[in-house]
Amino acid sequence: MLRKLLFILPSAIFLGVMAFSLWGLLSDRDPSAVPSNLIDKPVPAFDLPGVEGLETPGLSSALLADGKVKVINVFASWCVPCRAEHPVIEKLAKEHGVTVYGLNYKDKPEDARLWLAELGNPYARIGADRKGRTAIDFGVSGVPETYLIDGEGVIRYQYIGPIVPLDLEEKILPILEEIGG
């Protein structure tokens, strides 16, 4: 009996793993989509100073319920995907006239300043989240992440990962239009 069990148990585990893998590959689920508990809820309360040595002012939740749609982009100078995404964030702010706020995540002020000096600063305000507490309150799972906020300060959409030009045109801009942007 023990011999049979030693033969059947590994085979059953293998078949279970294979079935689960096949289900994941064939399903319509988007593996990058992580549902946020904060969608359709007010942004968490926070008050962050600006990046030390940068003229761009800090950021607080009190500024977000001003009747205007805006975007919060979580970024860091040490984040390679953030660098790749940066031209899209600049396009969103400059060409589409969207107010973009930055949440600088666990970054050294001097590194953030150099990064923005090199790549450009599309942010109307930047909150320096040196310890990452505000990002945790937002439910950030990694950088970059982007949040679309309606005029009442309510999170309407969360985009995980770097925004590419196609997603800007097909996902972000239509949602901003829908929520009043």
C-alpha atoms as a PDB file:
ATOM      1  CA  MET A   1       0.000   0.000   0.000  1.00  0.00           C
ATOM      2  CA  LEU A   2       2.819   2.416   0.882  1.00  0.00           C
ATOM      3  CA  ARG A   3       4.515   1.692  -2.468  1.00  0.00           C
ATOM      4  CA  LYS A   4       1.330   2.524  -4.361  1.00  0.00           C
ATOM      5  CA  LEU A   5       0.969   5.765  -2.409  1.00  0.00           C
ATOM      6  CA  LEU A   6       4.589   6.736  -3.123  1.00  0.00           C
ATOM      7  CA  PHE A   7       3.905   6.244  -6.836  1.00  0.00           C
ATOM      8  CA  ILE A   8       0.447   7.851  -6.987  1.00  0.00           C
ATOM      9  CA  LEU A   9       1.085  10.928  -4.788  1.00  0.00           C
ATOM     10  CA  PRO A  10       3.888  12.505  -6.922  1.00  0.00           C
ATOM     11  CA  SER A  11       1.917  11.742 -10.083  1.00  0.00           C
ATOM     12  CA  ALA A  12      -1.204  13.391  -8.651  1.00  0.00           C
ATOM     13  CA  ILE A  13       0.765  16.478  -7.573  1.00  0.00           C
ATOM     14  CA  PHE A  14       2.377  16.712 -11.010  1.00  0.00           C
ATOM     15  CA  LEU A  15      -0.995  16.440 -12.772  1.00  0.00           C
ATOM     16  CA  GLY A  16      -2.477  19.080 -10.456  1.00  0.00           C
ATOM     17  CA  VAL A  17       0.333  21.536 -11.165  1.00  0.00           C
ATOM     18  CA  MET A  18       0.024  20.883 -14.909  1.00  0.00           C
ATOM     19  CA  ALA A  19      -3.753  21.432 -14.836  1.00  0.00           C
ATOM     20  CA  PHE A  20      -3.364  24.698 -12.890  1.00  0.00           C
ATOM     21  CA  SER A  21      -0.653  25.904 -15.310  1.00  0.00           C
ATOM     22  CA  LEU A  22      -2.758  25.064 -18.332  1.00  0.00           C
ATOM     23  CA  TRP A  23      -5.745  26.873 -16.827  1.00  0.00           C
ATOM     24  CA  GLY A  24      -3.562  29.966 -16.277  1.00  0.00           C
ATOM     25  CA  LEU A  25      -2.280  29.915 -19.840  1.00  0.00           C
ATOM     26  CA  LEU A  26      -5.665  29.412 -21.480  1.00  0.00           C
ATOM     27  CA  SER A  27      -7.781  31.736 -19.336  1.00  0.00           C
ATOM     28  CA  ASP A  28      -8.588  35.337 -20.263  1.00  0.00           C
ATOM     29  CA  ARG A  29      -7.151  36.637 -17.022  1.00  0.00           C
ATOM     30  CA  ASP A  30      -4.523  39.371 -17.182  1.00  0.00           C
ATOM     31  CA  PRO A  31      -1.687  38.232 -14.898  1.00  0.00           C
ATOM     32  CA  SER A  32      -0.535  41.832 -14.395  1.00  0.00           C
ATOM     33  CA  ALA A  33      -3.962  42.928 -13.142  1.00  0.00           C
ATOM     34  CA  VAL A  34      -3.963  43.103  -9.380  1.00  0.00           C
ATOM     35  CA  PRO A  35      -7.317  44.394  -8.157  1.00  0.00           C
ATOM     36  CA  SER A  36      -6.997  47.294  -5.744  1.00  0.00           C
ATOM     37  CA  ASN A  37      -9.175  47.588  -2.662  1.00  0.00           C
ATOM     38  CA  LEU A  38      -9.057  51.374  -3.053  1.00  0.00           C
ATOM     39  CA  ILE A  39     -10.834  51.675  -6.402  1.00  0.00           C
ATOM     40  CA  ASP A  40     -13.853  53.963  -5.961  1.00  0.00           C
ATOM     41  CA  LYS A  41     -12.620  55.046  -2.523  1.00  0.00           C
ATOM     42  CA  PRO A  42     -11.017  58.340  -1.463  1.00  0.00           C
ATOM     43  CA  VAL A  43      -7.258  58.508  -1.587  1.00  0.00           C
ATOM     44  CA  PRO A  44      -5.687  57.681   1.775  1.00  0.00           C
ATOM     45  CA  ALA A  45      -4.848  60.682   3.942  1.00  0.00           C
ATOM     46  CA  PHE A  46      -1.249  61.835   3.571  1.00  0.00           C
ATOM     47  CA  ASP A  47       0.895  64.954   3.681  1.00  0.00           C
ATOM     48  CA  LEU A  48       4.344  64.650   2.133  1.00  0.00           C
ATOM     49  CA  PRO A  49       7.081  67.250   1.788  1.00  0.00           C
ATOM     50  CA  GLY A  50       8.599  67.969  -1.590  1.00  0.00           C
ATOM     51  CA  VAL A  51      11.867  66.415  -2.676  1.00  0.00           C
ATOM     52  CA  GLU A  52      14.570  68.192  -0.706  1.00  0.00           C
ATOM     53  CA  GLY A  53      16.383  70.757  -2.872  1.00  0.00           C
ATOM     54  CA  LEU A  54      13.755  70.711  -5.634  1.00  0.00           C
ATOM     55  CA  GLU A  55      11.490  73.711  -6.269  1.00  0.00           C
ATOM     56  CA  THR A  56       8.472  71.494  -7.027  1.00  0.00           C
ATOM     57  CA  PRO A  57       6.143  71.640  -3.980  1.00  0.00           C
ATOM     58  CA  GLY A  58       5.127  68.628  -1.895  1.00  0.00           C
ATOM     59  CA  LEU A  59       1.883  66.709  -2.115  1.00  0.00           C
ATOM     60  CA  SER A  60      -1.026  66.007   0.213  1.00  0.00           C
ATOM     61  CA  SER A  61      -4.382  64.297  -0.045  1.00  0.00           C
ATOM     62  CA  ALA A  62      -6.088  67.609   0.784  1.00  0.00           C
ATOM     63  CA  LEU A  63      -5.073  68.914  -2.660  1.00  0.00           C
ATOM     64  CA  LEU A  64      -6.764  66.096  -4.547  1.00  0.00           C
ATOM     65  CA  ALA A  65     -10.447  66.976  -4.077  1.00  0.00           C
ATOM     66  CA  ASP A  66     -10.280  70.208  -6.073  1.00  0.00           C
ATOM     67  CA  GLY A  67     -12.834  69.319  -8.757  1.00  0.00           C
ATOM     68  CA  LYS A  68     -10.183  68.410 -11.333  1.00  0.00           C
ATOM     69  CA  VAL A  69      -9.092  65.020 -12.615  1.00  0.00           C
ATOM     70  CA  LYS A  70      -5.460  64.221 -11.974  1.00  0.00           C
ATOM     71  CA  VAL A  71      -2.903  61.437 -12.101  1.00  0.00           C
ATOM     72  CA  ILE A  72      -0.540  60.246  -9.366  1.00  0.00           C
ATOM     73  CA  ASN A  73       2.529  58.481 -10.708  1.00  0.00           C
ATOM     74  CA  VAL A  74       4.658  56.486  -8.251  1.00  0.00           C
ATOM     75  CA  PHE A  75       8.291  56.570  -9.402  1.00  0.00           C
ATOM     76  CA  ALA A  76      11.889  56.279  -8.226  1.00  0.00           C
ATOM     77  CA  SER A  77      15.250  57.152  -9.740  1.00  0.00           C
ATOM     78  CA  TRP A  78      16.503  53.592  -9.149  1.00  0.00           C
ATOM     79  CA  CYS A  79      13.548  52.094 -11.062  1.00  0.00           C
ATOM     80  CA  VAL A  80      14.495  51.059 -14.616  1.00  0.00           C
ATOM     81  CA  PRO A  81      10.850  50.687 -15.809  1.00  0.00           C
ATOM     82  CA  CYS A  82      10.176  54.208 -14.457  1.00  0.00           C
ATOM     83  CA  ARG A  83      12.864  55.528 -16.798  1.00  0.00           C
ATOM     84  CA  ALA A  84      11.220  53.748 -19.737  1.00  0.00           C
ATOM     85  CA  GLU A  85       7.798  55.112 -18.777  1.00  0.00           C
ATOM     86  CA  HIS A  86       8.933  58.698 -18.195  1.00  0.00           C
ATOM     87  CA  PRO A  87       8.439  59.988 -21.782  1.00  0.00           C
ATOM     88  CA  VAL A  88       4.841  58.738 -21.672  1.00  0.00           C
ATOM     89  CA  ILE A  89       4.243  60.577 -18.365  1.00  0.00           C
ATOM     90  CA  GLU A  90       5.721  63.727 -19.918  1.00  0.00           C
ATOM     91  CA  LYS A  91       3.430  63.344 -22.938  1.00  0.00           C
ATOM     92  CA  LEU A  92       0.418  62.896 -20.660  1.00  0.00           C
ATOM     93  CA  ALA A  93       1.235  66.138 -18.833  1.00  0.00           C
ATOM     94  CA  LYS A  94       2.439  68.297 -21.715  1.00  0.00           C
ATOM     95  CA  GLU A  95       0.497  67.157 -24.770  1.00  0.00           C
ATOM     96  CA  HIS A  96      -2.736  66.098 -23.101  1.00  0.00           C
ATOM     97  CA  GLY A  97      -2.778  68.775 -20.389  1.00  0.00           C
ATOM     98  CA  VAL A  98      -3.381  66.332 -17.540  1.00  0.00           C
ATOM     99  CA  THR A  99      -2.214  67.379 -14.080  1.00  0.00           C
ATOM    100  CA  VAL A 100       0.321  64.763 -13.027  1.00  0.00           C
ATOM    101  CA  TYR A 101       1.568  64.508  -9.464  1.00  0.00           C
ATOM    102  CA  GLY A 102       4.556  62.416  -8.507  1.00  0.00           C
ATOM    103  CA  LEU A 103       5.029  60.169  -5.513  1.00  0.00           C
ATOM    104  CA  ASN A 104       8.791  59.682  -5.199  1.00  0.00           C
ATOM    105  CA  TYR A 105       9.152  56.261  -3.589  1.00  0.00           C
ATOM    106  CA  LYS A 106      12.023  55.396  -1.209  1.00  0.00           C
ATOM    107  CA  ASP A 107      14.482  57.583  -3.049  1.00  0.00           C
ATOM    108  CA  LYS A 108      17.436  59.714  -2.008  1.00  0.00           C
ATOM    109  CA  PRO A 109      16.680  63.400  -2.675  1.00  0.00           C
ATOM    110  CA  GLU A 110      19.907  63.919  -4.616  1.00  0.00           C
ATOM    111  CA  ASP A 111      19.148  60.920  -6.859  1.00  0.00           C
ATOM    112  CA  ALA A 112      15.599  62.117  -7.516  1.00  0.00           C
ATOM    113  CA  ARG A 113      16.848  65.628  -8.375  1.00  0.00           C
ATOM    114  CA  LEU A 114      19.472  64.297 -10.800  1.00  0.00           C
ATOM    115  CA  TRP A 115      16.956  61.940 -12.424  1.00  0.00           C
ATOM    116  CA  LEU A 116      14.424  64.735 -12.974  1.00  0.00           C
ATOM    117  CA  ALA A 117      17.137  67.125 -14.210  1.00  0.00           C
ATOM    118  CA  GLU A 118      18.216  64.538 -16.773  1.00  0.00           C
ATOM    119  CA  LEU A 119      14.785  63.348 -17.931  1.00  0.00           C
ATOM    120  CA  GLY A 120      12.599  66.392 -17.292  1.00  0.00           C
ATOM    121  CA  ASN A 121      10.018  67.109 -14.625  1.00  0.00           C
ATOM    122  CA  PRO A 122       6.412  66.603 -15.764  1.00  0.00           C
ATOM    123  CA  TYR A 123       5.060  66.739 -12.192  1.00  0.00           C
ATOM    124  CA  ALA A 124       3.042  69.692 -10.869  1.00  0.00           C
ATOM    125  CA  ARG A 125       3.837  68.470  -7.342  1.00  0.00           C
ATOM    126  CA  ILE A 126       5.996  65.696  -5.938  1.00  0.00           C
ATOM    127  CA  GLY A 127       5.616  64.076  -2.546  1.00  0.00           C
ATOM    128  CA  ALA A 128       8.815  62.562  -1.159  1.00  0.00           C
ATOM    129  CA  ASP A 129       7.770  59.209   0.324  1.00  0.00           C
ATOM    130  CA  ARG A 130      11.187  58.381   1.786  1.00  0.00           C
ATOM    131  CA  LYS A 131       9.957  55.540   4.033  1.00  0.00           C
ATOM    132  CA  GLY A 132       7.303  54.228   1.630  1.00  0.00           C
ATOM    133  CA  ARG A 133       4.447  54.566   4.126  1.00  0.00           C
ATOM    134  CA  THR A 134       2.151  56.498   1.774  1.00  0.00           C
ATOM    135  CA  ALA A 135       2.794  54.011  -1.014  1.00  0.00           C
ATOM    136  CA  ILE A 136       1.796  51.204   1.354  1.00  0.00           C
ATOM    137  CA  ASP A 137      -1.430  53.069   2.168  1.00  0.00           C
ATOM    138  CA  PHE A 138      -2.141  53.309  -1.571  1.00  0.00           C
ATOM    139  CA  GLY A 139      -1.512  49.587  -1.959  1.00  0.00           C
ATOM    140  CA  VAL A 140       1.527  50.005  -4.198  1.00  0.00           C
ATOM    141  CA  SER A 141       3.026  46.629  -5.028  1.00  0.00           C
ATOM    142  CA  GLY A 142       6.017  48.008  -6.927  1.00  0.00           C
ATOM    143  CA  VAL A 143       7.105  50.937  -9.041  1.00  0.00           C
ATOM    144  CA  PRO A 144       5.977  52.346 -11.322  1.00  0.00           C
ATOM    145  CA  GLU A 145       2.293  52.491 -10.557  1.00  0.00           C
ATOM    146  CA  THR A 146      -0.169  55.128 -11.657  1.00  0.00           C
ATOM    147  CA  TYR A 147      -3.490  56.165 -10.142  1.00  0.00           C
ATOM    148  CA  LEU A 148      -6.265  58.104 -11.872  1.00  0.00           C
ATOM    149  CA  ILE A 149      -8.055  60.364  -9.399  1.00  0.00           C
ATOM    150  CA  ASP A 150     -11.390  62.067 -10.052  1.00  0.00           C
ATOM    151  CA  GLY A 151     -12.238  65.623  -9.030  1.00  0.00           C
ATOM    152  CA  GLU A 152     -13.543  64.495  -5.649  1.00  0.00           C
ATOM    153  CA  GLY A 153     -10.244  62.833  -4.708  1.00  0.00           C
ATOM    154  CA  VAL A 154     -11.504  59.300  -5.372  1.00  0.00           C
ATOM    155  CA  ILE A 155      -9.257  56.655  -6.947  1.00  0.00           C
ATOM    156  CA  ARG A 156     -10.926  55.495 -10.158  1.00  0.00           C
ATOM    157  CA  TYR A 157      -8.196  53.389 -11.764  1.00  0.00           C
ATOM    158  CA  GLN A 158      -4.847  51.840 -10.899  1.00  0.00           C
ATOM    159  CA  TYR A 159      -2.297  50.985 -13.579  1.00  0.00           C
ATOM    160  CA  ILE A 160       0.474  48.644 -12.464  1.00  0.00           C
ATOM    161  CA  GLY A 161       3.791  48.749 -14.293  1.00  0.00           C
ATOM    162  CA  PRO A 162       5.192  51.159 -16.859  1.00  0.00           C
ATOM    163  CA  ILE A 163       2.652  52.857 -19.097  1.00  0.00           C
ATOM    164  CA  VAL A 164       3.505  52.302 -22.748  1.00  0.00           C
ATOM    165  CA  PRO A 165       2.243  54.618 -25.534  1.00  0.00           C
ATOM    166  CA  LEU A 166      -0.442  52.167 -26.685  1.00  0.00           C
ATOM    167  CA  ASP A 167      -1.866  51.841 -23.157  1.00  0.00           C
ATOM    168  CA  LEU A 168      -1.825  55.621 -22.771  1.00  0.00           C
ATOM    169  CA  GLU A 169      -4.013  55.947 -25.863  1.00  0.00           C
ATOM    170  CA  GLU A 170      -6.237  52.893 -25.334  1.00  0.00           C
ATOM    171  CA  LYS A 171      -6.617  52.731 -21.537  1.00  0.00           C
ATOM    172  CA  ILE A 172      -5.482  55.819 -19.638  1.00  0.00           C
ATOM    173  CA  LEU A 173      -6.857  58.628 -21.820  1.00  0.00           C
ATOM    174  CA  PRO A 174     -10.312  57.018 -22.288  1.00  0.00           C
ATOM    175  CA  ILE A 175     -10.653  56.495 -18.533  1.00  0.00           C
ATOM    176  CA  LEU A 176      -9.565  60.064 -17.828  1.00  0.00           C
ATOM    177  CA  GLU A 177     -12.177  61.251 -20.339  1.00  0.00           C
ATOM    178  CA  GLU A 178     -14.816  59.081 -18.695  1.00  0.00           C
ATOM    179  CA  ILE A 179     -14.150  60.393 -15.188  1.00  0.00           C
ATOM    180  CA  GLY A 180     -14.177  64.007 -16.325  1.00  0.00           C
ATOM    181  CA  GLY A 181     -10.698  64.827 -17.636  1.00  0.00           C
END
